[in-house]
Amino acid sequence: MSANILVVDDLGSVRDTIKKMLERERNKVTTAASGAEALRSLDEHPFDAALIDVKMAQMDGLELLRRIRAKWPDLPVIMMTGVCVGALRRRCDEARRVLLPREAFTARRH
């Protein structure tokens, strides 16, 4: 089953890589280079999910997430980052809009 996915990252190489990976699995992918561009895309098209970079210029990913939750509360959102996990957890706790369970960051050895 394919999905219509929005990928938001200010780095073109990251957007392109994620887009290629998702399209290989037969998903339809729209990319946005900024939070403002992402909001315009969301106004124009329905999406099944969004992948959003946390650290972006102008509007960061957490602000974009707040705006998405206000208008599209049921849209599944995956936040992604290259930022240190501890710093991200603190920012998310401060925003009180994102739940990042500790288990999500615990590597399991099998």
PDB file of N, CA and C in Angstrom:
ATOM      1  N   MET A   1       0.840  -1.174   0.000  1.00  0.00           N
ATOM      2  CA  MET A   1       0.000   0.000   0.000  1.00  0.00           C
ATOM      3  C   MET A   1       0.887   1.241   0.000  1.00  0.00           C
ATOM      4  N   SER A   2       0.650   2.141  -0.904  1.00  0.00           N
ATOM      5  CA  SER A   2       1.458   3.353  -0.976  1.00  0.00           C
ATOM      6  C   SER A   2       0.816   4.465  -0.140  1.00  0.00           C
ATOM      7  N   ALA A   3       1.651   5.401   0.255  1.00  0.00           N
ATOM      8  CA  ALA A   3       1.190   6.528   1.052  1.00  0.00           C
ATOM      9  C   ALA A   3       1.637   7.829   0.388  1.00  0.00           C
ATOM     10  N   ASN A   4       0.933   8.894   0.703  1.00  0.00           N
ATOM     11  CA  ASN A   4       1.285  10.219   0.234  1.00  0.00           C
ATOM     12  C   ASN A   4       2.017  10.912   1.390  1.00  0.00           C
ATOM     13  N   ILE A   5       3.338  11.111   1.242  1.00  0.00           N
ATOM     14  CA  ILE A   5       4.181  11.555   2.351  1.00  0.00           C
ATOM     15  C   ILE A   5       4.818  12.905   2.041  1.00  0.00           C
ATOM     16  N   LEU A   6       4.829  13.771   3.047  1.00  0.00           N
ATOM     17  CA  LEU A   6       5.492  15.064   2.957  1.00  0.00           C
ATOM     18  C   LEU A   6       6.822  14.981   3.704  1.00  0.00           C
ATOM     19  N   VAL A   7       7.915  15.327   3.027  1.00  0.00           N
ATOM     20  CA  VAL A   7       9.247  15.337   3.634  1.00  0.00           C
ATOM     21  C   VAL A   7       9.715  16.784   3.714  1.00  0.00           C
ATOM     22  N   VAL A   8      10.061  17.232   4.927  1.00  0.00           N
ATOM     23  CA  VAL A   8      10.451  18.620   5.140  1.00  0.00           C
ATOM     24  C   VAL A   8      11.854  18.670   5.738  1.00  0.00           C
ATOM     25  N   ASP A   9      12.776  19.240   4.986  1.00  0.00           N
ATOM     26  CA  ASP A   9      14.158  19.413   5.460  1.00  0.00           C
ATOM     27  C   ASP A   9      14.777  20.541   4.664  1.00  0.00           C
ATOM     28  N   ASP A  10      15.576  21.375   5.313  1.00  0.00           N
ATOM     29  CA  ASP A  10      16.196  22.488   4.601  1.00  0.00           C
ATOM     30  C   ASP A  10      17.436  22.068   3.826  1.00  0.00           C
ATOM     31  N   LEU A  11      17.892  20.846   3.995  1.00  0.00           N
ATOM     32  CA  LEU A  11      19.035  20.334   3.233  1.00  0.00           C
ATOM     33  C   LEU A  11      18.543  19.505   2.053  1.00  0.00           C
ATOM     34  N   GLY A  12      18.842  19.987   0.852  1.00  0.00           N
ATOM     35  CA  GLY A  12      18.377  19.313  -0.352  1.00  0.00           C
ATOM     36  C   GLY A  12      18.852  17.873  -0.449  1.00  0.00           C
ATOM     37  N   SER A  13      20.075  17.594  -0.034  1.00  0.00           N
ATOM     38  CA  SER A  13      20.593  16.225  -0.121  1.00  0.00           C
ATOM     39  C   SER A  13      19.809  15.271   0.777  1.00  0.00           C
ATOM     40  N   VAL A  14      19.393  15.747   1.930  1.00  0.00           N
ATOM     41  CA  VAL A  14      18.594  14.914   2.840  1.00  0.00           C
ATOM     42  C   VAL A  14      17.217  14.674   2.245  1.00  0.00           C
ATOM     43  N   ARG A  15      16.585  15.749   1.759  1.00  0.00           N
ATOM     44  CA  ARG A  15      15.263  15.607   1.128  1.00  0.00           C
ATOM     45  C   ARG A  15      15.310  14.605  -0.015  1.00  0.00           C
ATOM     46  N   ASP A  16      16.321  14.750  -0.883  1.00  0.00           N
ATOM     47  CA  ASP A  16      16.424  13.877  -2.060  1.00  0.00           C
ATOM     48  C   ASP A  16      16.646  12.419  -1.672  1.00  0.00           C
ATOM     49  N   THR A  17      17.492  12.190  -0.677  1.00  0.00           N
ATOM     50  CA  THR A  17      17.768  10.816  -0.241  1.00  0.00           C
ATOM     51  C   THR A  17      16.526  10.162   0.332  1.00  0.00           C
ATOM     52  N   ILE A  18      15.828  10.872   1.209  1.00  0.00           N
ATOM     53  CA  ILE A  18      14.605  10.313   1.807  1.00  0.00           C
ATOM     54  C   ILE A  18      13.540  10.104   0.748  1.00  0.00           C
ATOM     55  N   LYS A  19      13.415  11.047  -0.164  1.00  0.00           N
ATOM     56  CA  LYS A  19      12.433  10.916  -1.246  1.00  0.00           C
ATOM     57  C   LYS A  19      12.704   9.656  -2.060  1.00  0.00           C
ATOM     58  N   LYS A  20      13.955   9.447  -2.448  1.00  0.00           N
ATOM     59  CA  LYS A  20      14.299   8.251  -3.236  1.00  0.00           C
ATOM     60  C   LYS A  20      13.987   6.973  -2.481  1.00  0.00           C
ATOM     61  N   MET A  21      14.310   6.951  -1.195  1.00  0.00           N
ATOM     62  CA  MET A  21      14.050   5.751  -0.384  1.00  0.00           C
ATOM     63  C   MET A  21      12.546   5.455  -0.311  1.00  0.00           C
ATOM     64  N   LEU A  22      11.758   6.483  -0.083  1.00  0.00           N
ATOM     65  CA  LEU A  22      10.311   6.288   0.041  1.00  0.00           C
ATOM     66  C   LEU A  22       9.663   5.954  -1.297  1.00  0.00           C
ATOM     67  N   GLU A  23      10.143   6.561  -2.371  1.00  0.00           N
ATOM     68  CA  GLU A  23       9.590   6.263  -3.693  1.00  0.00           C
ATOM     69  C   GLU A  23       9.929   4.843  -4.124  1.00  0.00           C
ATOM     70  N   ARG A  24      11.072   4.340  -3.696  1.00  0.00           N
ATOM     71  CA  ARG A  24      11.433   2.956  -4.003  1.00  0.00           C
ATOM     72  C   ARG A  24      10.389   1.980  -3.461  1.00  0.00           C
ATOM     73  N   GLU A  25       9.733   2.399  -2.382  1.00  0.00           N
ATOM     74  CA  GLU A  25       8.672   1.582  -1.776  1.00  0.00           C
ATOM     75  C   GLU A  25       7.294   1.963  -2.334  1.00  0.00           C
ATOM     76  N   ARG A  26       7.289   2.667  -3.458  1.00  0.00           N
ATOM     77  CA  ARG A  26       6.084   3.057  -4.195  1.00  0.00           C
ATOM     78  C   ARG A  26       5.199   4.083  -3.482  1.00  0.00           C
ATOM     79  N   ASN A  27       5.807   4.909  -2.635  1.00  0.00           N
ATOM     80  CA  ASN A  27       5.074   6.003  -2.002  1.00  0.00           C
ATOM     81  C   ASN A  27       5.140   7.232  -2.892  1.00  0.00           C
ATOM     82  N   LYS A  28       4.133   8.095  -2.778  1.00  0.00           N
ATOM     83  CA  LYS A  28       4.158   9.387  -3.456  1.00  0.00           C
ATOM     84  C   LYS A  28       4.753  10.376  -2.460  1.00  0.00           C
ATOM     85  N   VAL A  29       5.800  11.085  -2.881  1.00  0.00           N
ATOM     86  CA  VAL A  29       6.521  11.964  -1.965  1.00  0.00           C
ATOM     87  C   VAL A  29       6.530  13.394  -2.489  1.00  0.00           C
ATOM     88  N   THR A  30       6.180  14.316  -1.606  1.00  0.00           N
ATOM     89  CA  THR A  30       6.300  15.735  -1.869  1.00  0.00           C
ATOM     90  C   THR A  30       7.345  16.267  -0.903  1.00  0.00           C
ATOM     91  N   THR A  31       8.238  17.122  -1.380  1.00  0.00           N
ATOM     92  CA  THR A  31       9.259  17.680  -0.502  1.00  0.00           C
ATOM     93  C   THR A  31       9.039  19.170  -0.299  1.00  0.00           C
ATOM     94  N   ALA A  32       9.515  19.649   0.845  1.00  0.00           N
ATOM     95  CA  ALA A  32       9.467  21.072   1.163  1.00  0.00           C
ATOM     96  C   ALA A  32      10.791  21.450   1.815  1.00  0.00           C
ATOM     97  N   ALA A  33      11.307  22.621   1.443  1.00  0.00           N
ATOM     98  CA  ALA A  33      12.594  23.083   1.951  1.00  0.00           C
ATOM     99  C   ALA A  33      12.459  23.955   3.200  1.00  0.00           C
ATOM    100  N   SER A  34      11.228  24.255   3.591  1.00  0.00           N
ATOM    101  CA  SER A  34      11.021  25.121   4.760  1.00  0.00           C
ATOM    102  C   SER A  34       9.658  24.824   5.387  1.00  0.00           C
ATOM    103  N   GLY A  35       9.483  25.331   6.595  1.00  0.00           N
ATOM    104  CA  GLY A  35       8.196  25.175   7.259  1.00  0.00           C
ATOM    105  C   GLY A  35       7.076  25.870   6.503  1.00  0.00           C
ATOM    106  N   ALA A  36       7.360  27.062   5.983  1.00  0.00           N
ATOM    107  CA  ALA A  36       6.336  27.806   5.229  1.00  0.00           C
ATOM    108  C   ALA A  36       5.920  27.036   3.983  1.00  0.00           C
ATOM    109  N   GLU A  37       6.897  26.475   3.284  1.00  0.00           N
ATOM    110  CA  GLU A  37       6.591  25.682   2.088  1.00  0.00           C
ATOM    111  C   GLU A  37       5.779  24.435   2.463  1.00  0.00           C
ATOM    112  N   ALA A  38       6.111  23.828   3.583  1.00  0.00           N
ATOM    113  CA  ALA A  38       5.370  22.648   4.045  1.00  0.00           C
ATOM    114  C   ALA A  38       3.915  22.989   4.345  1.00  0.00           C
ATOM    115  N   LEU A  39       3.694  24.124   5.002  1.00  0.00           N
ATOM    116  CA  LEU A  39       2.316  24.533   5.316  1.00  0.00           C
ATOM    117  C   LEU A  39       1.513  24.801   4.052  1.00  0.00           C
ATOM    118  N   ARG A  40       2.146  25.385   3.039  1.00  0.00           N
ATOM    119  CA  ARG A  40       1.445  25.605   1.758  1.00  0.00           C
ATOM    120  C   ARG A  40       1.069  24.258   1.129  1.00  0.00           C
ATOM    121  N   SER A  41       2.002  23.305   1.158  1.00  0.00           N
ATOM    122  CA  SER A  41       1.712  21.977   0.594  1.00  0.00           C
ATOM    123  C   SER A  41       0.579  21.298   1.343  1.00  0.00           C
ATOM    124  N   LEU A  42       0.580  21.429   2.668  1.00  0.00           N
ATOM    125  CA  LEU A  42      -0.485  20.822   3.478  1.00  0.00           C
ATOM    126  C   LEU A  42      -1.837  21.459   3.187  1.00  0.00           C
ATOM    127  N   ASP A  43      -1.851  22.759   2.910  1.00  0.00           N
ATOM    128  CA  ASP A  43      -3.106  23.442   2.549  1.00  0.00           C
ATOM    129  C   ASP A  43      -3.636  22.964   1.199  1.00  0.00           C
ATOM    130  N   GLU A  44      -2.721  22.580   0.305  1.00  0.00           N
ATOM    131  CA  GLU A  44      -3.104  22.235  -1.065  1.00  0.00           C
ATOM    132  C   GLU A  44      -3.391  20.754  -1.285  1.00  0.00           C
ATOM    133  N   HIS A  45      -2.794  19.866  -0.472  1.00  0.00           N
ATOM    134  CA  HIS A  45      -2.910  18.429  -0.708  1.00  0.00           C
ATOM    135  C   HIS A  45      -3.081  17.670   0.598  1.00  0.00           C
ATOM    136  N   PRO A  46      -3.843  16.580   0.559  1.00  0.00           N
ATOM    137  CA  PRO A  46      -3.911  15.717   1.756  1.00  0.00           C
ATOM    138  C   PRO A  46      -2.679  14.805   1.812  1.00  0.00           C
ATOM    139  N   PHE A  47      -2.147  14.590   3.009  1.00  0.00           N
ATOM    140  CA  PHE A  47      -1.010  13.700   3.192  1.00  0.00           C
ATOM    141  C   PHE A  47      -1.353  12.631   4.215  1.00  0.00           C
ATOM    142  N   ASP A  48      -0.720  11.478   4.056  1.00  0.00           N
ATOM    143  CA  ASP A  48      -0.906  10.387   5.006  1.00  0.00           C
ATOM    144  C   ASP A  48       0.058  10.493   6.175  1.00  0.00           C
ATOM    145  N   ALA A  49       1.194  11.177   5.967  1.00  0.00           N
ATOM    146  CA  ALA A  49       2.206  11.339   7.011  1.00  0.00           C
ATOM    147  C   ALA A  49       3.176  12.431   6.600  1.00  0.00           C
ATOM    148  N   ALA A  50       3.923  12.929   7.586  1.00  0.00           N
ATOM    149  CA  ALA A  50       4.967  13.920   7.328  1.00  0.00           C
ATOM    150  C   ALA A  50       6.225  13.533   8.096  1.00  0.00           C
ATOM    151  N   LEU A  51       7.369  13.699   7.446  1.00  0.00           N
ATOM    152  CA  LEU A  51       8.674  13.544   8.076  1.00  0.00           C
ATOM    153  C   LEU A  51       9.283  14.931   8.124  1.00  0.00           C
ATOM    154  N   ILE A  52       9.635  15.402   9.321  1.00  0.00           N
ATOM    155  CA  ILE A  52      10.063  16.786   9.492  1.00  0.00           C
ATOM    156  C   ILE A  52      11.384  16.857  10.239  1.00  0.00           C
ATOM    157  N   ASP A  53      12.321  17.613   9.683  1.00  0.00           N
ATOM    158  CA  ASP A  53      13.586  17.876  10.363  1.00  0.00           C
ATOM    159  C   ASP A  53      13.331  18.840  11.510  1.00  0.00           C
ATOM    160  N   VAL A  54      13.980  18.607  12.633  1.00  0.00           N
ATOM    161  CA  VAL A  54      13.805  19.469  13.795  1.00  0.00           C
ATOM    162  C   VAL A  54      14.506  20.806  13.592  1.00  0.00           C
ATOM    163  N   LYS A  55      15.729  20.771  13.109  1.00  0.00           N
ATOM    164  CA  LYS A  55      16.552  21.990  13.031  1.00  0.00           C
ATOM    165  C   LYS A  55      16.536  22.547  11.611  1.00  0.00           C
ATOM    166  N   MET A  56      15.763  23.617  11.429  1.00  0.00           N
ATOM    167  CA  MET A  56      15.691  24.300  10.140  1.00  0.00           C
ATOM    168  C   MET A  56      15.726  25.804  10.387  1.00  0.00           C
ATOM    169  N   ALA A  57      16.114  26.552   9.363  1.00  0.00           N
ATOM    170  CA  ALA A  57      16.149  28.014   9.461  1.00  0.00           C
ATOM    171  C   ALA A  57      14.718  28.572   9.440  1.00  0.00           C
ATOM    172  N   GLN A  58      14.569  29.817   9.788  1.00  0.00           N
ATOM    173  CA  GLN A  58      13.300  30.537   9.873  1.00  0.00           C
ATOM    174  C   GLN A  58      12.328  29.861  10.844  1.00  0.00           C
ATOM    175  N   MET A  59      11.675  28.788  10.421  1.00  0.00           N
ATOM    176  CA  MET A  59      10.732  28.071  11.277  1.00  0.00           C
ATOM    177  C   MET A  59      11.315  26.686  11.544  1.00  0.00           C
ATOM    178  N   ASP A  60      11.609  26.396  12.815  1.00  0.00           N
ATOM    179  CA  ASP A  60      12.168  25.076  13.088  1.00  0.00           C
ATOM    180  C   ASP A  60      11.066  24.012  13.078  1.00  0.00           C
ATOM    181  N   GLY A  61      11.480  22.772  13.121  1.00  0.00           N
ATOM    182  CA  GLY A  61      10.532  21.668  13.011  1.00  0.00           C
ATOM    183  C   GLY A  61       9.514  21.601  14.129  1.00  0.00           C
ATOM    184  N   LEU A  62       9.906  21.997  15.332  1.00  0.00           N
ATOM    185  CA  LEU A  62       8.952  21.957  16.445  1.00  0.00           C
ATOM    186  C   LEU A  62       7.867  23.021  16.286  1.00  0.00           C
ATOM    187  N   GLU A  63       8.230  24.194  15.757  1.00  0.00           N
ATOM    188  CA  GLU A  63       7.212  25.208  15.476  1.00  0.00           C
ATOM    189  C   GLU A  63       6.289  24.727  14.354  1.00  0.00           C
ATOM    190  N   LEU A  64       6.863  24.104  13.350  1.00  0.00           N
ATOM    191  CA  LEU A  64       6.043  23.534  12.275  1.00  0.00           C
ATOM    192  C   LEU A  64       5.104  22.476  12.840  1.00  0.00           C
ATOM    193  N   LEU A  65       5.604  21.641  13.727  1.00  0.00           N
ATOM    194  CA  LEU A  65       4.757  20.617  14.348  1.00  0.00           C
ATOM    195  C   LEU A  65       3.606  21.255  15.112  1.00  0.00           C
ATOM    196  N   ARG A  66       3.877  22.317  15.874  1.00  0.00           N
ATOM    197  CA  ARG A  66       2.802  23.005  16.612  1.00  0.00           C
ATOM    198  C   ARG A  66       1.717  23.498  15.642  1.00  0.00           C
ATOM    199  N   ARG A  67       2.142  24.069  14.520  1.00  0.00           N
ATOM    200  CA  ARG A  67       1.172  24.592  13.548  1.00  0.00           C
ATOM    201  C   ARG A  67       0.399  23.460  12.869  1.00  0.00           C
ATOM    202  N   ILE A  68       1.082  22.369  12.602  1.00  0.00           N
ATOM    203  CA  ILE A  68       0.399  21.212  12.014  1.00  0.00           C
ATOM    204  C   ILE A  68      -0.636  20.666  12.981  1.00  0.00           C
ATOM    205  N   ARG A  69      -0.270  20.504  14.240  1.00  0.00           N
ATOM    206  CA  ARG A  69      -1.205  19.965  15.238  1.00  0.00           C
ATOM    207  C   ARG A  69      -2.435  20.853  15.378  1.00  0.00           C
ATOM    208  N   ALA A  70      -2.268  22.168  15.221  1.00  0.00           N
ATOM    209  CA  ALA A  70      -3.398  23.092  15.341  1.00  0.00           C
ATOM    210  C   ALA A  70      -4.390  22.928  14.197  1.00  0.00           C
ATOM    211  N   LYS A  71      -3.898  22.610  13.011  1.00  0.00           N
ATOM    212  CA  LYS A  71      -4.771  22.561  11.830  1.00  0.00           C
ATOM    213  C   LYS A  71      -5.071  21.143  11.352  1.00  0.00           C
ATOM    214  N   TRP A  72      -4.108  20.228  11.512  1.00  0.00           N
ATOM    215  CA  TRP A  72      -4.257  18.838  11.078  1.00  0.00           C
ATOM    216  C   TRP A  72      -3.873  17.920  12.239  1.00  0.00           C
ATOM    217  N   PRO A  73      -4.690  17.883  13.282  1.00  0.00           N
ATOM    218  CA  PRO A  73      -4.303  17.162  14.509  1.00  0.00           C
ATOM    219  C   PRO A  73      -4.102  15.655  14.336  1.00  0.00           C
ATOM    220  N   ASP A  74      -4.687  15.073  13.316  1.00  0.00           N
ATOM    221  CA  ASP A  74      -4.578  13.625  13.139  1.00  0.00           C
ATOM    222  C   ASP A  74      -3.478  13.190  12.184  1.00  0.00           C
ATOM    223  N   LEU A  75      -2.736  14.131  11.610  1.00  0.00           N
ATOM    224  CA  LEU A  75      -1.678  13.777  10.677  1.00  0.00           C
ATOM    225  C   LEU A  75      -0.507  13.145  11.428  1.00  0.00           C
ATOM    226  N   PRO A  76      -0.141  11.917  11.081  1.00  0.00           N
ATOM    227  CA  PRO A  76       1.034  11.304  11.709  1.00  0.00           C
ATOM    228  C   PRO A  76       2.297  12.063  11.295  1.00  0.00           C
ATOM    229  N   VAL A  77       3.125  12.407  12.281  1.00  0.00           N
ATOM    230  CA  VAL A  77       4.355  13.156  12.035  1.00  0.00           C
ATOM    231  C   VAL A  77       5.527  12.412  12.658  1.00  0.00           C
ATOM    232  N   ILE A  78       6.585  12.266  11.875  1.00  0.00           N
ATOM    233  CA  ILE A  78       7.838  11.703  12.377  1.00  0.00           C
ATOM    234  C   ILE A  78       8.855  12.822  12.358  1.00  0.00           C
ATOM    235  N   MET A  79       9.420  13.113  13.521  1.00  0.00           N
ATOM    236  CA  MET A  79      10.449  14.138  13.624  1.00  0.00           C
ATOM    237  C   MET A  79      11.805  13.467  13.449  1.00  0.00           C
ATOM    238  N   MET A  80      12.691  14.116  12.685  1.00  0.00           N
ATOM    239  CA  MET A  80      14.019  13.559  12.460  1.00  0.00           C
ATOM    240  C   MET A  80      15.051  14.653  12.703  1.00  0.00           C
ATOM    241  N   THR A  81      16.238  14.229  13.117  1.00  0.00           N
ATOM    242  CA  THR A  81      17.268  15.211  13.410  1.00  0.00           C
ATOM    243  C   THR A  81      18.651  14.603  13.446  1.00  0.00           C
ATOM    244  N   GLY A  82      19.635  15.453  13.239  1.00  0.00           N
ATOM    245  CA  GLY A  82      21.019  15.090  13.435  1.00  0.00           C
ATOM    246  C   GLY A  82      21.530  15.704  14.728  1.00  0.00           C
ATOM    247  N   VAL A  83      20.627  16.356  15.478  1.00  0.00           N
ATOM    248  CA  VAL A  83      20.960  17.011  16.742  1.00  0.00           C
ATOM    249  C   VAL A  83      21.109  15.957  17.829  1.00  0.00           C
ATOM    250  N   CYS A  84      21.969  16.240  18.792  1.00  0.00           N
ATOM    251  CA  CYS A  84      22.167  15.350  19.941  1.00  0.00           C
ATOM    252  C   CYS A  84      20.817  15.015  20.577  1.00  0.00           C
ATOM    253  N   VAL A  85      20.608  13.750  20.887  1.00  0.00           N
ATOM    254  CA  VAL A  85      19.326  13.289  21.420  1.00  0.00           C
ATOM    255  C   VAL A  85      18.965  13.993  22.721  1.00  0.00           C
ATOM    256  N   GLY A  86      19.921  14.184  23.623  1.00  0.00           N
ATOM    257  CA  GLY A  86      19.629  14.847  24.891  1.00  0.00           C
ATOM    258  C   GLY A  86      19.115  16.261  24.693  1.00  0.00           C
ATOM    259  N   ALA A  87      19.744  16.998  23.782  1.00  0.00           N
ATOM    260  CA  ALA A  87      19.302  18.363  23.486  1.00  0.00           C
ATOM    261  C   ALA A  87      17.917  18.355  22.864  1.00  0.00           C
ATOM    262  N   LEU A  88      17.657  17.405  21.999  1.00  0.00           N
ATOM    263  CA  LEU A  88      16.337  17.297  21.373  1.00  0.00           C
ATOM    264  C   LEU A  88      15.279  16.990  22.412  1.00  0.00           C
ATOM    265  N   ARG A  89      15.548  16.064  23.303  1.00  0.00           N
ATOM    266  CA  ARG A  89      14.577  15.711  24.342  1.00  0.00           C
ATOM    267  C   ARG A  89      14.235  16.942  25.185  1.00  0.00           C
ATOM    268  N   ARG A  90      15.230  17.725  25.559  1.00  0.00           N
ATOM    269  CA  ARG A  90      14.966  18.932  26.352  1.00  0.00           C
ATOM    270  C   ARG A  90      14.076  19.902  25.580  1.00  0.00           C
ATOM    271  N   ARG A  91      14.370  20.105  24.292  1.00  0.00           N
ATOM    272  CA  ARG A  91      13.548  21.020  23.485  1.00  0.00           C
ATOM    273  C   ARG A  91      12.123  20.503  23.360  1.00  0.00           C
ATOM    274  N   CYS A  92      11.974  19.212  23.181  1.00  0.00           N
ATOM    275  CA  CYS A  92      10.637  18.634  23.048  1.00  0.00           C
ATOM    276  C   CYS A  92       9.879  18.718  24.363  1.00  0.00           C
ATOM    277  N   ASP A  93      10.572  18.468  25.467  1.00  0.00           N
ATOM    278  CA  ASP A  93       9.922  18.597  26.770  1.00  0.00           C
ATOM    279  C   ASP A  93       9.452  20.027  26.988  1.00  0.00           C
ATOM    280  N   GLU A  94      10.277  20.997  26.570  1.00  0.00           N
ATOM    281  CA  GLU A  94       9.894  22.397  26.715  1.00  0.00           C
ATOM    282  C   GLU A  94       8.684  22.718  25.850  1.00  0.00           C
ATOM    283  N   ALA A  95       8.629  22.170  24.660  1.00  0.00           N
ATOM    284  CA  ALA A  95       7.507  22.444  23.762  1.00  0.00           C
ATOM    285  C   ALA A  95       6.221  21.790  24.263  1.00  0.00           C
ATOM    286  N   ARG A  96       6.364  20.700  25.005  1.00  0.00           N
ATOM    287  CA  ARG A  96       5.229  19.938  25.560  1.00  0.00           C
ATOM    288  C   ARG A  96       4.195  19.556  24.517  1.00  0.00           C
ATOM    289  N   ARG A  97       4.667  19.380  23.298  1.00  0.00           N
ATOM    290  CA  ARG A  97       3.784  18.982  22.203  1.00  0.00           C
ATOM    291  C   ARG A  97       4.211  17.649  21.620  1.00  0.00           C
ATOM    292  N   VAL A  98       5.411  17.230  21.947  1.00  0.00           N
ATOM    293  CA  VAL A  98       5.973  16.032  21.337  1.00  0.00           C
ATOM    294  C   VAL A  98       6.327  15.057  22.437  1.00  0.00           C
ATOM    295  N   LEU A  99       5.933  13.830  22.283  1.00  0.00           N
ATOM    296  CA  LEU A  99       6.275  12.790  23.241  1.00  0.00           C
ATOM    297  C   LEU A  99       7.345  11.913  22.628  1.00  0.00           C
ATOM    298  N   LEU A 100       8.487  11.867  23.255  1.00  0.00           N
ATOM    299  CA  LEU A 100       9.579  11.007  22.801  1.00  0.00           C
ATOM    300  C   LEU A 100       9.892  10.031  23.924  1.00  0.00           C
ATOM    301  N   PRO A 101       9.296   8.857  23.882  1.00  0.00           N
ATOM    302  CA  PRO A 101       9.553   7.913  24.973  1.00  0.00           C
ATOM    303  C   PRO A 101      11.022   7.519  25.017  1.00  0.00           C
ATOM    304  N   ARG A 102      11.534   7.375  26.224  1.00  0.00           N
ATOM    305  CA  ARG A 102      12.930   7.009  26.413  1.00  0.00           C
ATOM    306  C   ARG A 102      13.273   5.740  25.647  1.00  0.00           C
ATOM    307  N   GLU A 103      12.329   4.817  25.527  1.00  0.00           N
ATOM    308  CA  GLU A 103      12.575   3.557  24.820  1.00  0.00           C
ATOM    309  C   GLU A 103      12.936   3.782  23.356  1.00  0.00           C
ATOM    310  N   ALA A 104      12.484   4.883  22.775  1.00  0.00           N
ATOM    311  CA  ALA A 104      12.772   5.162  21.366  1.00  0.00           C
ATOM    312  C   ALA A 104      14.258   5.397  21.140  1.00  0.00           C
ATOM    313  N   PHE A 105      14.983   5.744  22.200  1.00  0.00           N
ATOM    314  CA  PHE A 105      16.406   6.039  22.062  1.00  0.00           C
ATOM    315  C   PHE A 105      17.291   4.960  22.646  1.00  0.00           C
ATOM    316  N   THR A 106      16.698   3.879  23.106  1.00  0.00           N
ATOM    317  CA  THR A 106      17.471   2.811  23.717  1.00  0.00           C
ATOM    318  C   THR A 106      17.734   1.738  22.688  1.00  0.00           C
ATOM    319  N   ALA A 107      18.999   1.528  22.389  1.00  0.00           N
ATOM    320  CA  ALA A 107      19.359   0.472  21.432  1.00  0.00           C
ATOM    321  C   ALA A 107      19.220  -0.874  22.113  1.00  0.00           C
ATOM    322  N   ARG A 108      18.629  -1.787  21.428  1.00  0.00           N
ATOM    323  CA  ARG A 108      18.462  -3.145  21.960  1.00  0.00           C
ATOM    324  C   ARG A 108      19.425  -4.082  21.263  1.00  0.00           C
ATOM    325  N   ARG A 109      20.072  -4.888  22.034  1.00  0.00           N
ATOM    326  CA  ARG A 109      20.977  -5.877  21.463  1.00  0.00           C
ATOM    327  C   ARG A 109      20.306  -7.225  21.480  1.00  0.00           C
ATOM    328  N   HIS A 110      20.396  -7.896  20.364  1.00  0.00           N
ATOM    329  CA  HIS A 110      19.783  -9.227  20.250  1.00  0.00           C
ATOM    330  C   HIS A 110      20.856 -10.262  20.110  1.00  0.00           C
TER     331      HIS A 110
END
